[in-house]
Amino acid sequence: MNSSRFKRILIPIVQKAKSFRAFSTLYAEQPTGKKVTQRPKRIILIRHGESLGNIDDSAYVSTPDWRVPLTEKGKRQSYEAGKELSKIIGNNGKVFFYYSPYRRTRETLEVLQQHIRKEQIISIREEPRISEQQFGNFQNVEEVWESKRERHEFGRFYYRFQSGEAGLDVYSRVSSFISTLVRDCQQYQKAGYDLDNINVVIITHGLSLRLFLMRWFQFSVEEFEESVNPDNAQLVVMKKRCFGGHRWYELDENNRKALNLPEWCTKPKNVILHNLEAQMQDETCAKD
């Protein structure tokens, strides 16, 4: 491969990596006169409400996984999640939604959205990359049980379902989605939106949610394997923190405990490495 062709391939990859790294961990203060990159006030991940598949594995035998609906309990859970979300973002907060195309995530969004005024919603976008792990097509219930037993012994991250995905595959597509999220935020800033008043809400699935956090906070496979799914319709909140020219997100401590994550997994490694929290005067982020 000649050098010019190598550069054409390498440069976009490096730029993409730098974009994600700057957004998710530390942000160095810009030289005077340059506009800084804003960050949304919060990133809120929500697992769908209880689905028929959560209470009966045989639902997958005759119904494609992506068409499995919420139960009545799942709808009530989603309604309560909408109340909680409304309290968090406040009367003047703005929101844009990403949601998995699965029926249970779409129904969760439809129900919780009842608590959010239309003028608060900037956009609602379907995002296939935050779909559930693929387990194969129509499934034999005994095979499902056996596969889940095998996965428990082998580990969720590397175990591959026959005709389906491994956790690693979900990690890869979630990582790709995060890069899109970064670019979307940059485009909203260019369009004149105040990201300090915007909440990104991602309605997804238990495993996809945990792998999103794994990629964002860069914790290890071993640490992922020790984690557990959030409850149905649980909100997992990442709040923006600031110090000087630095911007990063931290996971809510109650969420960390519920997910069984180590203490350090609530914040980027560079924040811990440079001991930024010890230097902070308060938790308030001035306007970016």
Protein backbone atom coordinates (compact mmCIF):
# COMPACT_ATOMS: atom_id res chain seq x y z
CA MET A 1 0.00 0.00 0.00
CA ASN A 2 1.47 3.38 -0.99
CA SER A 3 1.84 6.12 1.65
CA SER A 4 -0.82 8.47 0.24
CA ARG A 5 -3.43 5.73 0.21
CA PHE A 6 -2.48 4.71 3.75
CA LYS A 7 -2.96 8.30 4.93
CA ARG A 8 -6.41 8.50 3.32
CA ILE A 9 -7.48 5.43 5.27
CA LEU A 10 -5.75 6.22 8.56
CA ILE A 11 -6.62 9.89 9.03
CA PRO A 12 -10.45 9.44 9.22
CA ILE A 13 -9.99 6.59 11.71
CA VAL A 14 -7.75 8.71 13.95
CA GLN A 15 -10.12 11.69 13.72
CA LYS A 16 -13.08 9.50 14.68
CA ALA A 17 -11.22 8.08 17.68
CA LYS A 18 -10.20 11.55 18.83
CA SER A 19 -13.79 12.78 18.53
CA PHE A 20 -15.12 10.03 20.80
CA ARG A 21 -12.26 10.31 23.29
CA ALA A 22 -12.69 14.05 23.72
CA PHE A 23 -16.45 13.71 24.15
CA SER A 24 -16.49 10.84 26.63
CA THR A 25 -13.57 11.61 28.89
CA LEU A 26 -11.63 14.84 29.18
CA TYR A 27 -11.84 17.99 27.20
CA ALA A 28 -8.78 20.27 27.15
CA GLU A 29 -9.55 23.97 27.44
CA GLN A 30 -9.72 25.66 24.02
CA PRO A 31 -7.41 28.58 23.19
CA THR A 32 -8.96 32.00 23.83
CA GLY A 33 -11.49 32.98 21.17
CA LYS A 34 -12.34 29.45 20.04
CA LYS A 35 -15.79 28.06 20.70
CA VAL A 36 -15.78 24.98 22.90
CA THR A 37 -17.65 21.78 22.13
CA GLN A 38 -20.79 21.63 24.25
CA ARG A 39 -22.07 18.49 25.92
CA PRO A 40 -25.66 17.52 26.74
CA LYS A 41 -26.62 18.05 30.35
CA ARG A 42 -27.35 14.35 30.85
CA ILE A 43 -27.35 11.06 29.01
CA ILE A 44 -30.14 8.86 30.35
CA LEU A 45 -30.38 5.18 29.42
CA ILE A 46 -33.64 3.32 29.98
CA ARG A 47 -34.26 -0.39 29.75
CA HIS A 48 -37.66 -1.27 28.28
CA GLY A 49 -40.54 -2.22 30.56
CA GLU A 50 -41.32 -5.85 31.34
CA SER A 51 -41.98 -7.78 28.13
CA LEU A 52 -43.78 -11.04 27.50
CA GLY A 53 -40.37 -12.64 26.90
CA ASN A 54 -39.17 -11.57 30.35
CA ILE A 55 -41.79 -13.76 32.00
CA ASP A 56 -42.18 -16.56 29.44
CA ASP A 57 -39.30 -17.85 27.28
CA SER A 58 -41.77 -19.73 25.09
CA ALA A 59 -42.90 -16.37 23.67
CA TYR A 60 -39.88 -16.53 21.37
CA VAL A 61 -41.00 -19.83 19.81
CA SER A 62 -43.84 -18.32 17.77
CA THR A 63 -43.06 -14.58 17.91
CA PRO A 64 -39.94 -12.93 16.47
CA ASP A 65 -37.95 -11.35 19.29
CA TRP A 66 -38.29 -7.86 17.80
CA ARG A 67 -42.10 -8.16 17.89
CA VAL A 68 -42.45 -9.30 21.52
CA PRO A 69 -44.71 -6.76 23.30
CA LEU A 70 -44.78 -5.27 26.78
CA THR A 71 -46.94 -6.87 29.43
CA GLU A 72 -49.52 -4.76 31.27
CA LYS A 73 -47.04 -4.54 34.13
CA GLY A 74 -44.43 -3.36 31.64
CA LYS A 75 -46.73 -0.57 30.50
CA ARG A 76 -47.28 0.53 34.10
CA GLN A 77 -43.51 0.48 34.68
CA SER A 78 -43.00 2.62 31.57
CA TYR A 79 -45.61 5.10 32.78
CA GLU A 80 -43.80 5.48 36.09
CA ALA A 81 -40.49 5.82 34.25
CA GLY A 82 -42.01 8.71 32.32
CA LYS A 83 -42.91 10.43 35.58
CA GLU A 84 -39.35 10.03 36.85
CA LEU A 85 -37.88 11.26 33.56
CA SER A 86 -40.12 14.34 33.64
CA LYS A 87 -38.91 15.21 37.15
CA ILE A 88 -35.27 14.82 36.15
CA ILE A 89 -35.37 16.99 33.03
CA GLY A 90 -37.71 19.61 34.56
CA ASN A 91 -40.33 21.83 32.94
CA ASN A 92 -37.84 23.71 30.78
CA GLY A 93 -35.49 20.88 29.85
CA LYS A 94 -35.24 19.66 26.28
CA VAL A 95 -34.81 16.07 25.17
CA PHE A 96 -33.97 14.02 22.16
CA PHE A 97 -34.74 10.34 22.09
CA TYR A 98 -33.00 7.38 20.51
CA TYR A 99 -34.84 4.07 20.69
CA SER A 100 -34.35 0.47 19.58
CA PRO A 101 -36.74 -0.65 16.81
CA TYR A 102 -38.05 -3.55 18.93
CA ARG A 103 -41.73 -3.44 19.79
CA ARG A 104 -41.08 -3.45 23.54
CA THR A 105 -38.80 -0.41 23.34
CA ARG A 106 -41.19 1.44 21.02
CA GLU A 107 -44.07 0.77 23.41
CA THR A 108 -41.95 1.93 26.35
CA LEU A 109 -41.27 5.20 24.54
CA GLU A 110 -44.92 5.69 23.60
CA VAL A 111 -46.04 5.29 27.21
CA LEU A 112 -43.37 7.34 28.99
CA GLN A 113 -43.62 10.09 26.38
CA GLN A 114 -47.04 10.97 27.83
CA HIS A 115 -45.22 12.85 30.60
CA ILE A 116 -43.06 14.95 28.25
CA ARG A 117 -44.57 18.00 26.56
CA LYS A 118 -44.27 18.12 22.76
CA GLU A 119 -42.38 21.41 22.84
CA GLN A 120 -39.69 19.77 25.02
CA ILE A 121 -38.90 17.12 22.40
CA ILE A 122 -36.28 18.10 19.82
CA SER A 123 -36.19 14.78 17.97
CA ILE A 124 -37.13 11.11 18.18
CA ARG A 125 -34.93 8.72 16.24
CA GLU A 126 -35.06 4.96 15.70
CA GLU A 127 -31.60 3.43 16.06
CA PRO A 128 -31.09 -0.25 15.06
CA ARG A 129 -27.57 -0.39 16.53
CA ILE A 130 -28.96 -0.32 20.08
CA SER A 131 -31.19 -3.36 19.42
CA GLU A 132 -31.22 -6.46 21.59
CA GLN A 133 -28.54 -9.12 21.17
CA GLN A 134 -29.56 -11.41 18.31
CA PHE A 135 -30.34 -14.92 19.56
CA GLY A 136 -31.25 -16.45 16.20
CA ASN A 137 -34.65 -16.62 14.54
CA PHE A 138 -37.66 -18.59 15.83
CA GLN A 139 -36.37 -20.47 18.85
CA ASN A 140 -37.02 -23.81 20.49
CA VAL A 141 -37.66 -23.12 24.15
CA GLU A 142 -35.48 -26.03 25.35
CA GLU A 143 -32.64 -24.77 23.16
CA VAL A 144 -33.07 -21.29 24.62
CA TRP A 145 -32.77 -22.64 28.16
CA GLU A 146 -29.71 -24.73 27.26
CA SER A 147 -28.03 -21.79 25.49
CA LYS A 148 -28.61 -19.52 28.49
CA ARG A 149 -27.11 -22.14 30.80
CA GLU A 150 -24.07 -22.35 28.52
CA ARG A 151 -23.79 -18.57 28.39
CA HIS A 152 -23.84 -18.38 32.18
CA GLU A 153 -20.84 -20.73 32.32
CA PHE A 154 -18.98 -19.29 29.32
CA GLY A 155 -19.58 -15.57 29.92
CA ARG A 156 -21.96 -13.12 28.25
CA PHE A 157 -19.37 -11.07 26.42
CA TYR A 158 -17.87 -13.80 24.22
CA TYR A 159 -20.64 -16.41 24.12
CA ARG A 160 -22.17 -16.62 20.65
CA PHE A 161 -25.69 -17.89 20.12
CA GLN A 162 -26.13 -20.27 17.20
CA SER A 163 -27.16 -18.11 14.20
CA GLY A 164 -26.96 -15.10 16.52
CA GLU A 165 -24.55 -12.65 18.12
CA ALA A 166 -21.96 -12.61 20.86
CA GLY A 167 -21.88 -9.77 23.38
CA LEU A 168 -18.76 -8.58 21.54
CA ASP A 169 -20.87 -7.98 18.42
CA VAL A 170 -23.31 -5.83 20.38
CA TYR A 171 -20.36 -3.93 21.88
CA SER A 172 -19.08 -3.15 18.38
CA ARG A 173 -22.35 -1.77 17.07
CA VAL A 174 -23.01 0.20 20.26
CA SER A 175 -19.53 1.73 19.90
CA SER A 176 -20.46 2.78 16.36
CA PHE A 177 -23.67 4.36 17.66
CA ILE A 178 -21.73 6.39 20.25
CA SER A 179 -19.69 7.96 17.47
CA THR A 180 -22.95 8.94 15.76
CA LEU A 181 -24.26 10.39 19.03
CA VAL A 182 -21.14 12.56 19.28
CA ARG A 183 -21.60 13.87 15.74
CA ASP A 184 -25.31 14.49 16.29
CA CYS A 185 -24.54 16.63 19.34
CA GLN A 186 -22.01 18.60 17.35
CA GLN A 187 -24.60 19.21 14.64
CA TYR A 188 -27.20 20.37 17.18
CA GLN A 189 -24.69 22.82 18.59
CA LYS A 190 -23.97 24.16 15.10
CA ALA A 191 -27.72 24.55 14.57
CA GLY A 192 -27.87 26.83 17.61
CA TYR A 193 -29.24 24.52 20.29
CA ASP A 194 -28.08 25.02 23.88
CA LEU A 195 -26.79 21.58 24.79
CA ASP A 196 -26.52 22.61 28.44
CA ASN A 197 -30.31 22.33 28.54
CA ILE A 198 -30.61 19.12 26.52
CA ASN A 199 -30.99 15.55 27.80
CA VAL A 200 -30.19 12.60 25.55
CA VAL A 201 -32.52 9.67 26.34
CA ILE A 202 -31.70 6.20 24.97
CA ILE A 203 -34.35 3.49 25.25
CA THR A 204 -32.74 0.12 24.78
CA HIS A 205 -32.24 -3.36 26.27
CA GLY A 206 -30.45 -4.63 29.35
CA LEU A 207 -27.34 -6.07 27.67
CA SER A 208 -27.04 -3.24 25.16
CA LEU A 209 -27.31 -0.72 27.98
CA ARG A 210 -24.49 -2.35 29.96
CA LEU A 211 -22.28 -2.57 26.87
CA PHE A 212 -22.89 1.12 26.17
CA LEU A 213 -21.58 1.87 29.67
CA MET A 214 -18.67 -0.53 29.20
CA ARG A 215 -17.60 1.30 26.05
CA TRP A 216 -18.16 4.77 27.51
CA PHE A 217 -16.35 4.23 30.79
CA GLN A 218 -13.90 1.70 29.35
CA PHE A 219 -14.23 -0.95 31.99
CA SER A 220 -12.89 -4.43 31.44
CA VAL A 221 -14.54 -7.64 30.23
CA GLU A 222 -14.16 -9.09 33.74
CA GLU A 223 -15.93 -6.07 35.23
CA PHE A 224 -18.67 -6.35 32.64
CA GLU A 225 -19.17 -10.03 33.48
CA GLU A 226 -19.75 -9.12 37.13
CA SER A 227 -22.41 -6.55 36.25
CA VAL A 228 -26.15 -7.24 36.07
CA ASN A 229 -29.00 -5.83 34.02
CA PRO A 230 -30.99 -2.90 35.41
CA ASP A 231 -34.61 -3.55 36.33
CA ASN A 232 -37.23 -3.13 33.65
CA ALA A 233 -37.95 0.56 32.93
CA GLN A 234 -35.12 1.65 35.21
CA LEU A 235 -33.44 4.98 34.41
CA VAL A 236 -29.64 4.94 34.38
CA VAL A 237 -28.37 8.52 34.58
CA MET A 238 -25.03 9.91 33.37
CA LYS A 239 -24.64 13.52 34.50
CA LYS A 240 -22.19 16.05 33.11
CA ARG A 241 -19.45 17.22 35.47
CA CYS A 242 -17.04 20.11 34.91
CA PHE A 243 -13.73 21.41 36.14
CA GLY A 244 -11.97 24.25 34.36
CA GLY A 245 -11.91 23.32 30.70
CA HIS A 246 -12.70 19.66 31.37
CA ARG A 247 -16.07 18.02 30.73
CA TRP A 248 -17.00 14.43 31.51
CA TYR A 249 -19.93 12.25 32.57
CA GLU A 250 -20.40 10.32 35.77
CA LEU A 251 -22.77 7.47 36.45
CA ASP A 252 -25.28 7.94 39.25
CA GLU A 253 -24.03 6.13 42.36
CA ASN A 254 -27.33 4.34 43.00
CA ASN A 255 -27.29 3.10 39.41
CA ARG A 256 -23.72 1.85 39.86
CA LYS A 257 -24.73 -0.21 42.88
CA ALA A 258 -27.83 -1.57 41.14
CA LEU A 259 -25.70 -2.68 38.17
CA ASN A 260 -23.08 -4.22 40.50
CA LEU A 261 -20.23 -2.18 39.03
CA PRO A 262 -16.96 -1.33 40.86
CA GLU A 263 -16.77 2.15 42.33
CA TRP A 264 -14.31 3.50 39.77
CA CYS A 265 -16.60 2.57 36.86
CA THR A 266 -18.75 5.65 37.47
CA LYS A 267 -16.28 8.02 35.82
CA PRO A 268 -13.64 8.13 33.05
CA LYS A 269 -10.19 6.82 33.90
CA ASN A 270 -8.51 10.16 33.18
CA VAL A 271 -10.62 11.90 35.82
CA ILE A 272 -9.33 9.44 38.40
CA LEU A 273 -5.77 9.54 37.04
CA HIS A 274 -5.54 13.34 37.29
CA ASN A 275 -7.55 13.51 40.53
CA LEU A 276 -9.81 16.19 39.08
CA GLU A 277 -12.64 15.71 41.55
CA ALA A 278 -10.41 16.66 44.46
CA GLN A 279 -9.78 20.01 42.74
CA MET A 280 -13.43 20.84 42.11
CA GLN A 281 -15.05 23.65 44.04
CA ASP A 282 -18.63 22.59 43.26
CA GLU A 283 -20.65 20.44 40.91
CA THR A 284 -22.16 23.26 38.87
CA CYS A 285 -21.15 23.44 35.20
CA ALA A 286 -20.91 26.98 33.90
CA LYS A 287 -22.11 27.60 30.38
CA ASP A 288 -19.81 25.83 27.90
